[in-house]
PDB file of all heavy atoms in Angstrom:
ATOM      1  N   VAL A   1       0.808  -1.199   0.014  1.00  0.00           N
ATOM      2  CA  VAL A   1      -0.018   0.016  -0.024  1.00  0.00           C
ATOM      3  C   VAL A   1       0.887   1.217   0.005  1.00  0.00           C
ATOM      4  O   VAL A   1       1.627   1.468   0.974  1.00  0.00           O
ATOM      5  CB  VAL A   1      -0.905  -0.033   1.218  1.00  0.00           C
ATOM      6  CG1 VAL A   1      -1.851   1.280   1.152  1.00  0.00           C
ATOM      7  CG2 VAL A   1      -1.740  -1.223   1.282  1.00  0.00           C
ATOM      8  N   GLU A   2       0.791   1.996  -1.047  1.00  0.00           N
ATOM      9  CA  GLU A   2       1.556   3.258  -1.186  1.00  0.00           C
ATOM     10  C   GLU A   2       0.763   4.417  -0.540  1.00  0.00           C
ATOM     11  O   GLU A   2      -0.468   4.421  -0.497  1.00  0.00           O
ATOM     12  CB  GLU A   2       1.803   3.573  -2.591  1.00  0.00           C
ATOM     13  CG  GLU A   2       2.563   2.523  -3.433  1.00  0.00           C
ATOM     14  CD  GLU A   2       1.674   1.683  -4.185  1.00  0.00           C
ATOM     15  OE1 GLU A   2       0.476   1.591  -3.906  1.00  0.00           O
ATOM     16  OE2 GLU A   2       2.067   1.143  -5.259  1.00  0.00           O
ATOM     17  N   SER A   3       1.517   5.467  -0.105  1.00  0.00           N
ATOM     18  CA  SER A   3       0.881   6.652   0.419  1.00  0.00           C
ATOM     19  C   SER A   3       2.020   7.666   0.299  1.00  0.00           C
ATOM     20  O   SER A   3       3.083   7.466  -0.001  1.00  0.00           O
ATOM     21  CB  SER A   3       0.557   6.497   1.887  1.00  0.00           C
ATOM     22  OG  SER A   3       1.623   6.209   2.682  1.00  0.00           O
ATOM     23  N   GLY A   4       1.484   9.017   0.430  1.00  0.00           N
ATOM     24  CA  GLY A   4       2.416  10.084   0.425  1.00  0.00           C
ATOM     25  C   GLY A   4       2.405  10.970  -0.762  1.00  0.00           C
ATOM     26  O   GLY A   4       3.082  11.968  -0.896  1.00  0.00           O
ATOM     27  N   GLY A   5       1.586  10.509  -1.841  1.00  0.00           N
ATOM     28  CA  GLY A   5       1.504  11.307  -3.011  1.00  0.00           C
ATOM     29  C   GLY A   5       0.757  12.607  -2.793  1.00  0.00           C
ATOM     30  O   GLY A   5       0.141  12.816  -1.763  1.00  0.00           O
ATOM     31  N   GLY A   6       0.765  13.556  -3.799  1.00  0.00           N
ATOM     32  CA  GLY A   6      -0.010  14.684  -3.645  1.00  0.00           C
ATOM     33  C   GLY A   6       0.448  15.730  -4.730  1.00  0.00           C
ATOM     34  O   GLY A   6       1.114  15.381  -5.711  1.00  0.00           O
ATOM     35  N   LEU A   7       0.002  16.935  -4.532  1.00  0.00           N
ATOM     36  CA  LEU A   7       0.360  18.053  -5.434  1.00  0.00           C
ATOM     37  C   LEU A   7       1.418  18.900  -4.813  1.00  0.00           C
ATOM     38  O   LEU A   7       1.309  19.273  -3.708  1.00  0.00           O
ATOM     39  CB  LEU A   7      -0.897  18.842  -5.720  1.00  0.00           C
ATOM     40  CG  LEU A   7      -0.677  20.171  -6.488  1.00  0.00           C
ATOM     41  CD1 LEU A   7      -0.376  19.907  -7.923  1.00  0.00           C
ATOM     42  CD2 LEU A   7      -2.060  20.973  -6.502  1.00  0.00           C
ATOM     43  N   VAL A   8       2.494  19.139  -5.680  1.00  0.00           N
ATOM     44  CA  VAL A   8       3.617  19.971  -5.119  1.00  0.00           C
ATOM     45  C   VAL A   8       4.094  20.842  -6.223  1.00  0.00           C
ATOM     46  O   VAL A   8       3.986  20.630  -7.445  1.00  0.00           O
ATOM     47  CB  VAL A   8       4.698  18.996  -4.600  1.00  0.00           C
ATOM     48  CG1 VAL A   8       5.314  18.182  -5.659  1.00  0.00           C
ATOM     49  CG2 VAL A   8       5.723  19.891  -3.856  1.00  0.00           C
ATOM     50  N   GLN A   9       4.679  21.983  -5.890  1.00  0.00           N
ATOM     51  CA  GLN A   9       5.174  22.915  -6.881  1.00  0.00           C
ATOM     52  C   GLN A   9       6.648  22.346  -7.314  1.00  0.00           C
ATOM     53  O   GLN A   9       7.309  21.717  -6.557  1.00  0.00           O
ATOM     54  CB  GLN A   9       5.339  24.280  -6.257  1.00  0.00           C
ATOM     55  CG  GLN A   9       4.000  25.045  -6.232  1.00  0.00           C
ATOM     56  CD  GLN A   9       4.214  26.481  -5.802  1.00  0.00           C
ATOM     57  OE1 GLN A   9       5.229  26.833  -5.175  1.00  0.00           O
ATOM     58  NE2 GLN A   9       3.156  27.293  -6.188  1.00  0.00           N
ATOM     59  N   ALA A  10       7.000  22.758  -8.538  1.00  0.00           N
ATOM     60  CA  ALA A  10       8.284  22.417  -9.046  1.00  0.00           C
ATOM     61  C   ALA A  10       9.384  22.858  -8.094  1.00  0.00           C
ATOM     62  O   ALA A  10       9.293  23.941  -7.590  1.00  0.00           O
ATOM     63  CB  ALA A  10       8.597  23.032 -10.380  1.00  0.00           C
ATOM     64  N   GLY A  11      10.329  21.998  -7.781  1.00  0.00           N
ATOM     65  CA  GLY A  11      11.375  22.233  -6.865  1.00  0.00           C
ATOM     66  C   GLY A  11      11.129  21.727  -5.414  1.00  0.00           C
ATOM     67  O   GLY A  11      12.039  21.771  -4.619  1.00  0.00           O
ATOM     68  N   GLY A  12       9.846  21.344  -5.178  1.00  0.00           N
ATOM     69  CA  GLY A  12       9.468  20.902  -3.885  1.00  0.00           C
ATOM     70  C   GLY A  12       9.873  19.394  -3.686  1.00  0.00           C
ATOM     71  O   GLY A  12      10.556  18.791  -4.549  1.00  0.00           O
ATOM     72  N   SER A  13       9.430  18.850  -2.538  1.00  0.00           N
ATOM     73  CA  SER A  13       9.767  17.539  -2.208  1.00  0.00           C
ATOM     74  C   SER A  13       8.500  16.714  -1.728  1.00  0.00           C
ATOM     75  O   SER A  13       7.547  17.321  -1.210  1.00  0.00           O
ATOM     76  CB  SER A  13      10.763  17.502  -0.993  1.00  0.00           C
ATOM     77  OG  SER A  13      12.009  18.114  -1.449  1.00  0.00           O
ATOM     78  N   LEU A  14       8.543  15.458  -1.910  1.00  0.00           N
ATOM     79  CA  LEU A  14       7.490  14.521  -1.325  1.00  0.00           C
ATOM     80  C   LEU A  14       8.339  13.236  -0.913  1.00  0.00           C
ATOM     81  O   LEU A  14       9.313  12.920  -1.474  1.00  0.00           O
ATOM     82  CB  LEU A  14       6.525  14.149  -2.452  1.00  0.00           C
ATOM     83  CG  LEU A  14       5.438  15.128  -2.726  1.00  0.00           C
ATOM     84  CD1 LEU A  14       4.583  14.622  -3.929  1.00  0.00           C
ATOM     85  CD2 LEU A  14       4.547  15.446  -1.532  1.00  0.00           C
ATOM     86  N   ARG A  15       7.626  12.622   0.042  1.00  0.00           N
ATOM     87  CA  ARG A  15       8.190  11.266   0.493  1.00  0.00           C
ATOM     88  C   ARG A  15       7.153  10.241   0.396  1.00  0.00           C
ATOM     89  O   ARG A  15       6.091  10.354   1.089  1.00  0.00           O
ATOM     90  CB  ARG A  15       8.700  11.381   2.000  1.00  0.00           C
ATOM     91  CG  ARG A  15       9.397  10.083   2.435  1.00  0.00           C
ATOM     92  CD  ARG A  15       9.544  10.049   3.889  1.00  0.00           C
ATOM     93  NE  ARG A  15      10.495   9.160   4.408  1.00  0.00           N
ATOM     94  CZ  ARG A  15      10.550   8.627   5.613  1.00  0.00           C
ATOM     95  NH1 ARG A  15       9.679   8.967   6.483  1.00  0.00           N
ATOM     96  NH2 ARG A  15      11.538   7.785   5.949  1.00  0.00           N
ATOM     97  N   LEU A  16       7.308   9.266  -0.494  1.00  0.00           N
ATOM     98  CA  LEU A  16       6.355   8.155  -0.640  1.00  0.00           C
ATOM     99  C   LEU A  16       6.789   6.995   0.300  1.00  0.00           C
ATOM    100  O   LEU A  16       7.908   6.750   0.563  1.00  0.00           O
ATOM    101  CB  LEU A  16       6.337   7.658  -2.068  1.00  0.00           C
ATOM    102  CG  LEU A  16       6.118   8.703  -3.167  1.00  0.00           C
ATOM    103  CD1 LEU A  16       6.037   8.059  -4.552  1.00  0.00           C
ATOM    104  CD2 LEU A  16       4.900   9.495  -2.912  1.00  0.00           C
ATOM    105  N   SER A  17       5.720   6.390   0.750  1.00  0.00           N
ATOM    106  CA  SER A  17       5.920   5.205   1.623  1.00  0.00           C
ATOM    107  C   SER A  17       5.170   4.005   1.015  1.00  0.00           C
ATOM    108  O   SER A  17       4.208   4.175   0.286  1.00  0.00           O
ATOM    109  CB  SER A  17       5.346   5.477   3.045  1.00  0.00           C
ATOM    110  OG  SER A  17       6.024   6.490   3.643  1.00  0.00           O
ATOM    111  N   CYS A  18       5.710   2.895   1.223  1.00  0.00           N
ATOM    112  CA  CYS A  18       5.098   1.606   0.690  1.00  0.00           C
ATOM    113  C   CYS A  18       5.057   0.590   1.899  1.00  0.00           C
ATOM    114  O   CYS A  18       6.168   0.094   2.317  1.00  0.00           O
ATOM    115  CB  CYS A  18       5.881   1.069  -0.403  1.00  0.00           C
ATOM    116  SG  CYS A  18       5.366  -0.606  -1.049  1.00  0.00           S
ATOM    117  N   ALA A  19       3.944   0.357   2.473  1.00  0.00           N
ATOM    118  CA  ALA A  19       3.749  -0.532   3.566  1.00  0.00           C
ATOM    119  C   ALA A  19       3.412  -1.920   3.134  1.00  0.00           C
ATOM    120  O   ALA A  19       2.431  -2.123   2.282  1.00  0.00           O
ATOM    121  CB  ALA A  19       2.660  -0.073   4.515  1.00  0.00           C
ATOM    122  N   ALA A  20       4.176  -2.917   3.587  1.00  0.00           N
ATOM    123  CA  ALA A  20       4.001  -4.253   3.170  1.00  0.00           C
ATOM    124  C   ALA A  20       3.393  -5.137   4.255  1.00  0.00           C
ATOM    125  O   ALA A  20       3.641  -4.944   5.444  1.00  0.00           O
ATOM    126  CB  ALA A  20       5.297  -4.862   2.650  1.00  0.00           C
ATOM    127  N   SER A  21       2.559  -6.106   3.843  1.00  0.00           N
ATOM    128  CA  SER A  21       1.976  -7.083   4.748  1.00  0.00           C
ATOM    129  C   SER A  21       1.904  -8.430   4.002  1.00  0.00           C
ATOM    130  O   SER A  21       2.055  -8.449   2.777  1.00  0.00           O
ATOM    131  CB  SER A  21       0.634  -6.643   5.207  1.00  0.00           C
ATOM    132  OG  SER A  21      -0.345  -6.604   4.183  1.00  0.00           O
ATOM    133  N   GLY A  22       1.813  -9.397   4.808  1.00  0.00           N
ATOM    134  CA  GLY A  22       1.782 -10.751   4.220  1.00  0.00           C
ATOM    135  C   GLY A  22       3.010 -11.503   4.471  1.00  0.00           C
ATOM    136  O   GLY A  22       3.585 -11.483   5.549  1.00  0.00           O
ATOM    137  N   ARG A  23       3.496 -12.202   3.446  1.00  0.00           N
ATOM    138  CA  ARG A  23       4.675 -13.013   3.582  1.00  0.00           C
ATOM    139  C   ARG A  23       5.872 -12.237   3.853  1.00  0.00           C
ATOM    140  O   ARG A  23       5.887 -10.981   3.855  1.00  0.00           O
ATOM    141  CB  ARG A  23       4.844 -14.017   2.433  1.00  0.00           C
ATOM    142  CG  ARG A  23       5.354 -13.283   1.169  1.00  0.00           C
ATOM    143  CD  ARG A  23       5.363 -14.251   0.027  1.00  0.00           C
ATOM    144  NE  ARG A  23       6.506 -15.129   0.107  1.00  0.00           N
ATOM    145  CZ  ARG A  23       7.724 -14.908  -0.260  1.00  0.00           C
ATOM    146  NH1 ARG A  23       8.031 -13.826  -0.846  1.00  0.00           N
ATOM    147  NH2 ARG A  23       8.692 -15.873  -0.188  1.00  0.00           N
ATOM    148  N   THR A  24       7.003 -12.867   4.156  1.00  0.00           N
ATOM    149  CA  THR A  24       8.233 -12.184   4.502  1.00  0.00           C
ATOM    150  C   THR A  24       8.540 -11.018   3.490  1.00  0.00           C
ATOM    151  O   THR A  24       8.600 -11.165   2.347  1.00  0.00           O
ATOM    152  CB  THR A  24       9.373 -13.220   4.518  1.00  0.00           C
ATOM    153  OG1 THR A  24       9.025 -14.308   5.329  1.00  0.00           O
ATOM    154  CG2 THR A  24      10.698 -12.562   4.943  1.00  0.00           C
ATOM    155  N   PHE A  25       8.820  -9.872   4.161  1.00  0.00           N
ATOM    156  CA  PHE A  25       9.263  -8.722   3.334  1.00  0.00           C
ATOM    157  C   PHE A  25      10.693  -8.460   3.366  1.00  0.00           C
ATOM    158  O   PHE A  25      11.239  -7.956   2.501  1.00  0.00           O
ATOM    159  CB  PHE A  25       8.404  -7.551   4.038  1.00  0.00           C
ATOM    160  CG  PHE A  25       8.930  -6.159   3.595  1.00  0.00           C
ATOM    161  CD1 PHE A  25       8.505  -5.554   2.455  1.00  0.00           C
ATOM    162  CD2 PHE A  25       9.849  -5.475   4.346  1.00  0.00           C
ATOM    163  CE1 PHE A  25       8.938  -4.371   2.033  1.00  0.00           C
ATOM    164  CE2 PHE A  25      10.259  -4.259   3.993  1.00  0.00           C
ATOM    165  CZ  PHE A  25       9.823  -3.656   2.795  1.00  0.00           C
ATOM    166  N   SER A  26      11.379  -8.816   4.436  1.00  0.00           N
ATOM    167  CA  SER A  26      12.714  -8.345   4.673  1.00  0.00           C
ATOM    168  C   SER A  26      13.719  -8.947   3.773  1.00  0.00           C
ATOM    169  O   SER A  26      14.748  -8.389   3.517  1.00  0.00           O
ATOM    170  CB  SER A  26      13.189  -8.572   6.066  1.00  0.00           C
ATOM    171  OG  SER A  26      13.164  -9.959   6.319  1.00  0.00           O
ATOM    172  N   ASN A  27      13.360 -10.023   3.033  1.00  0.00           N
ATOM    173  CA  ASN A  27      14.392 -10.749   2.196  1.00  0.00           C
ATOM    174  C   ASN A  27      14.003 -10.574   0.746  1.00  0.00           C
ATOM    175  O   ASN A  27      14.527 -11.262  -0.095  1.00  0.00           O
ATOM    176  CB  ASN A  27      14.507 -12.212   2.540  1.00  0.00           C
ATOM    177  CG  ASN A  27      13.240 -12.971   2.305  1.00  0.00           C
ATOM    178  OD1 ASN A  27      12.239 -12.420   2.097  1.00  0.00           O
ATOM    179  ND2 ASN A  27      13.305 -14.306   2.436  1.00  0.00           N
ATOM    180  N   THR A  28      13.180  -9.522   0.330  1.00  0.00           N
ATOM    181  CA  THR A  28      12.840  -9.415  -0.989  1.00  0.00           C
ATOM    182  C   THR A  28      13.300  -7.929  -1.493  1.00  0.00           C
ATOM    183  O   THR A  28      13.197  -6.933  -0.825  1.00  0.00           O
ATOM    184  CB  THR A  28      11.355  -9.473  -1.217  1.00  0.00           C
ATOM    185  OG1 THR A  28      10.726  -8.453  -0.447  1.00  0.00           O
ATOM    186  CG2 THR A  28      10.821 -10.774  -0.732  1.00  0.00           C
ATOM    187  N   PRO A  29      13.710  -7.926  -2.752  1.00  0.00           N
ATOM    188  CA  PRO A  29      14.138  -6.618  -3.322  1.00  0.00           C
ATOM    189  C   PRO A  29      12.790  -5.827  -3.560  1.00  0.00           C
ATOM    190  O   PRO A  29      11.725  -6.356  -3.833  1.00  0.00           O
ATOM    191  CB  PRO A  29      14.810  -6.884  -4.619  1.00  0.00           C
ATOM    192  CG  PRO A  29      14.399  -8.348  -4.952  1.00  0.00           C
ATOM    193  CD  PRO A  29      14.068  -9.031  -3.679  1.00  0.00           C
ATOM    194  N   MET A  30      12.911  -4.515  -3.446  1.00  0.00           N
ATOM    195  CA  MET A  30      11.817  -3.628  -3.664  1.00  0.00           C
ATOM    196  C   MET A  30      12.048  -2.672  -4.773  1.00  0.00           C
ATOM    197  O   MET A  30      13.214  -2.279  -4.935  1.00  0.00           O
ATOM    198  CB  MET A  30      11.543  -2.803  -2.445  1.00  0.00           C
ATOM    199  CG  MET A  30      11.104  -3.711  -1.146  1.00  0.00           C
ATOM    200  SD  MET A  30       9.472  -4.433  -1.395  1.00  0.00           S
ATOM    201  CE  MET A  30       8.470  -3.018  -1.400  1.00  0.00           C
ATOM    202  N   GLY A  31      11.016  -2.254  -5.520  1.00  0.00           N
ATOM    203  CA  GLY A  31      11.279  -1.273  -6.514  1.00  0.00           C
ATOM    204  C   GLY A  31      10.173  -0.213  -6.485  1.00  0.00           C
ATOM    205  O   GLY A  31       9.087  -0.459  -6.070  1.00  0.00           O
ATOM    206  N   TRP A  32      10.484   0.937  -7.058  1.00  0.00           N
ATOM    207  CA  TRP A  32       9.579   1.977  -7.404  1.00  0.00           C
ATOM    208  C   TRP A  32       9.479   2.173  -8.863  1.00  0.00           C
ATOM    209  O   TRP A  32      10.583   2.327  -9.483  1.00  0.00           O
ATOM    210  CB  TRP A  32       9.858   3.260  -6.620  1.00  0.00           C
ATOM    211  CG  TRP A  32       9.561   3.297  -5.218  1.00  0.00           C
ATOM    212  CD1 TRP A  32      10.500   3.067  -4.200  1.00  0.00           C
ATOM    213  CD2 TRP A  32       8.341   3.597  -4.596  1.00  0.00           C
ATOM    214  NE1 TRP A  32       9.921   3.131  -2.950  1.00  0.00           N
ATOM    215  CE2 TRP A  32       8.605   3.545  -3.189  1.00  0.00           C
ATOM    216  CE3 TRP A  32       7.075   3.978  -5.001  1.00  0.00           C
ATOM    217  CZ2 TRP A  32       7.516   3.690  -2.166  1.00  0.00           C
ATOM    218  CZ3 TRP A  32       6.114   4.227  -4.202  1.00  0.00           C
ATOM    219  CH2 TRP A  32       6.343   4.095  -2.719  1.00  0.00           C
ATOM    220  N   PHE A  33       8.208   2.275  -9.382  1.00  0.00           N
ATOM    221  CA  PHE A  33       8.076   2.537 -10.733  1.00  0.00           C
ATOM    222  C   PHE A  33       7.030   3.679 -10.919  1.00  0.00           C
ATOM    223  O   PHE A  33       6.308   4.048 -10.001  1.00  0.00           O
ATOM    224  CB  PHE A  33       7.460   1.289 -11.475  1.00  0.00           C
ATOM    225  CG  PHE A  33       8.518   0.167 -11.634  1.00  0.00           C
ATOM    226  CD1 PHE A  33       8.795  -0.595 -10.471  1.00  0.00           C
ATOM    227  CD2 PHE A  33       9.163  -0.070 -12.773  1.00  0.00           C
ATOM    228  CE1 PHE A  33       9.737  -1.607 -10.553  1.00  0.00           C
ATOM    229  CE2 PHE A  33      10.162  -1.043 -12.819  1.00  0.00           C
ATOM    230  CZ  PHE A  33      10.419  -1.956 -11.738  1.00  0.00           C
ATOM    231  N   ARG A  34       6.905   4.226 -12.136  1.00  0.00           N
ATOM    232  CA  ARG A  34       5.867   5.238 -12.265  1.00  0.00           C
ATOM    233  C   ARG A  34       5.301   5.144 -13.665  1.00  0.00           C
ATOM    234  O   ARG A  34       5.918   4.581 -14.670  1.00  0.00           O
ATOM    235  CB  ARG A  34       6.453   6.667 -12.087  1.00  0.00           C
ATOM    236  CG  ARG A  34       7.613   7.088 -13.131  1.00  0.00           C
ATOM    237  CD  ARG A  34       8.232   8.364 -12.671  1.00  0.00           C
ATOM    238  NE  ARG A  34       9.220   8.884 -13.672  1.00  0.00           N
ATOM    239  CZ  ARG A  34       9.935   9.892 -13.437  1.00  0.00           C
ATOM    240  NH1 ARG A  34       9.892  10.616 -12.369  1.00  0.00           N
ATOM    241  NH2 ARG A  34      10.852  10.288 -14.363  1.00  0.00           N
ATOM    242  N   GLN A  35       4.106   5.694 -13.786  1.00  0.00           N
ATOM    243  CA  GLN A  35       3.454   5.625 -15.179  1.00  0.00           C
ATOM    244  C   GLN A  35       2.676   6.963 -15.321  1.00  0.00           C
ATOM    245  O   GLN A  35       1.761   7.363 -14.472  1.00  0.00           O
ATOM    246  CB  GLN A  35       2.556   4.418 -15.247  1.00  0.00           C
ATOM    247  CG  GLN A  35       1.942   4.172 -16.532  1.00  0.00           C
ATOM    248  CD  GLN A  35       1.226   2.851 -16.679  1.00  0.00           C
ATOM    249  OE1 GLN A  35       0.937   2.207 -15.657  1.00  0.00           O
ATOM    250  NE2 GLN A  35       1.084   2.427 -17.936  1.00  0.00           N
ATOM    251  N   SER A  36       2.888   7.559 -16.459  1.00  0.00           N
ATOM    252  CA  SER A  36       2.219   8.706 -16.901  1.00  0.00           C
ATOM    253  C   SER A  36       1.167   8.416 -17.915  1.00  0.00           C
ATOM    254  O   SER A  36       1.330   7.430 -18.602  1.00  0.00           O
ATOM    255  CB  SER A  36       3.092   9.791 -17.455  1.00  0.00           C
ATOM    256  OG  SER A  36       4.193  10.130 -16.589  1.00  0.00           O
ATOM    257  N   PRO A  37       0.107   9.199 -18.101  1.00  0.00           N
ATOM    258  CA  PRO A  37      -0.976   8.897 -19.040  1.00  0.00           C
ATOM    259  C   PRO A  37      -0.295   8.761 -20.460  1.00  0.00           C
ATOM    260  O   PRO A  37       0.453   9.496 -20.997  1.00  0.00           O
ATOM    261  CB  PRO A  37      -1.878  10.052 -18.985  1.00  0.00           C
ATOM    262  CG  PRO A  37      -1.712  10.633 -17.647  1.00  0.00           C
ATOM    263  CD  PRO A  37      -0.225  10.447 -17.328  1.00  0.00           C
ATOM    264  N   GLY A  38      -0.716   7.576 -21.087  1.00  0.00           N
ATOM    265  CA  GLY A  38      -0.298   7.329 -22.450  1.00  0.00           C
ATOM    266  C   GLY A  38       1.113   6.787 -22.509  1.00  0.00           C
ATOM    267  O   GLY A  38       1.563   6.575 -23.621  1.00  0.00           O
ATOM    268  N   LYS A  39       1.732   6.531 -21.426  1.00  0.00           N
ATOM    269  CA  LYS A  39       3.167   5.969 -21.463  1.00  0.00           C
ATOM    270  C   LYS A  39       3.145   4.689 -20.640  1.00  0.00           C
ATOM    271  O   LYS A  39       2.360   4.375 -19.841  1.00  0.00           O
ATOM    272  CB  LYS A  39       4.069   6.998 -20.760  1.00  0.00           C
ATOM    273  CG  LYS A  39       4.264   8.278 -21.441  1.00  0.00           C
ATOM    274  CD  LYS A  39       5.348   9.169 -20.834  1.00  0.00           C
ATOM    275  CE  LYS A  39       5.514  10.429 -21.579  1.00  0.00           C
ATOM    276  NZ  LYS A  39       6.606  11.308 -21.021  1.00  0.00           N
ATOM    277  N   GLU A  40       4.252   3.940 -21.019  1.00  0.00           N
ATOM    278  CA  GLU A  40       4.390   2.661 -20.281  1.00  0.00           C
ATOM    279  C   GLU A  40       4.998   2.897 -18.888  1.00  0.00           C
ATOM    280  O   GLU A  40       5.598   3.911 -18.568  1.00  0.00           O
ATOM    281  CB  GLU A  40       5.392   1.827 -21.108  1.00  0.00           C
ATOM    282  CG  GLU A  40       4.942   1.329 -22.469  1.00  0.00           C
ATOM    283  CD  GLU A  40       5.794   0.366 -23.092  1.00  0.00           C
ATOM    284  OE1 GLU A  40       6.960   0.134 -22.621  1.00  0.00           O
ATOM    285  OE2 GLU A  40       5.460  -0.262 -24.089  1.00  0.00           O
ATOM    286  N   ARG A  41       4.704   1.935 -17.991  1.00  0.00           N
ATOM    287  CA  ARG A  41       5.338   1.932 -16.669  1.00  0.00           C
ATOM    288  C   ARG A  41       6.829   2.056 -16.752  1.00  0.00           C
ATOM    289  O   ARG A  41       7.337   1.135 -17.408  1.00  0.00           O
ATOM    290  CB  ARG A  41       4.741   0.746 -15.900  1.00  0.00           C
ATOM    291  CG  ARG A  41       4.921   1.023 -14.401  1.00  0.00           C
ATOM    292  CD  ARG A  41       4.120   0.042 -13.549  1.00  0.00           C
ATOM    293  NE  ARG A  41       2.670   0.209 -13.785  1.00  0.00           N
ATOM    294  CZ  ARG A  41       1.762  -0.407 -13.041  1.00  0.00           C
ATOM    295  NH1 ARG A  41       2.136  -1.303 -12.128  1.00  0.00           N
ATOM    296  NH2 ARG A  41       0.471  -0.138 -13.255  1.00  0.00           N
ATOM    297  N   GLU A  42       7.478   2.819 -16.061  1.00  0.00           N
ATOM    298  CA  GLU A  42       8.931   2.917 -16.146  1.00  0.00           C
ATOM    299  C   GLU A  42       9.610   2.892 -14.744  1.00  0.00           C
ATOM    300  O   GLU A  42       9.044   3.162 -13.726  1.00  0.00           O
ATOM    301  CB  GLU A  42       9.349   4.218 -16.773  1.00  0.00           C
ATOM    302  CG  GLU A  42       9.048   5.435 -16.013  1.00  0.00           C
ATOM    303  CD  GLU A  42       9.592   6.782 -16.659  1.00  0.00           C
ATOM    304  OE1 GLU A  42      10.178   6.690 -17.767  1.00  0.00           O
ATOM    305  OE2 GLU A  42       9.506   7.852 -16.019  1.00  0.00           O
ATOM    306  N   PHE A  43      10.830   2.284 -14.810  1.00  0.00           N
ATOM    307  CA  PHE A  43      11.630   2.062 -13.613  1.00  0.00           C
ATOM    308  C   PHE A  43      12.086   3.417 -13.027  1.00  0.00           C
ATOM    309  O   PHE A  43      12.424   4.380 -13.795  1.00  0.00           O
ATOM    310  CB  PHE A  43      12.799   1.295 -13.963  1.00  0.00           C
ATOM    311  CG  PHE A  43      13.880   1.266 -12.899  1.00  0.00           C
ATOM    312  CD1 PHE A  43      13.644   0.447 -11.784  1.00  0.00           C
ATOM    313  CD2 PHE A  43      15.047   2.001 -13.062  1.00  0.00           C
ATOM    314  CE1 PHE A  43      14.747   0.456 -10.794  1.00  0.00           C
ATOM    315  CE2 PHE A  43      16.078   1.926 -12.060  1.00  0.00           C
ATOM    316  CZ  PHE A  43      15.837   1.145 -10.959  1.00  0.00           C
TER     317      PHE A  43
END
């Protein structure tokens, strides 16, 4: 579950969080990706 998104002015900062539940989390690699309208999801 991600959180922390929002609207910010250019030059500003945000901190996104990703809370995990379920099976073991600590031994898995994690990634962040993003997707804009009309574009593929990117690393």
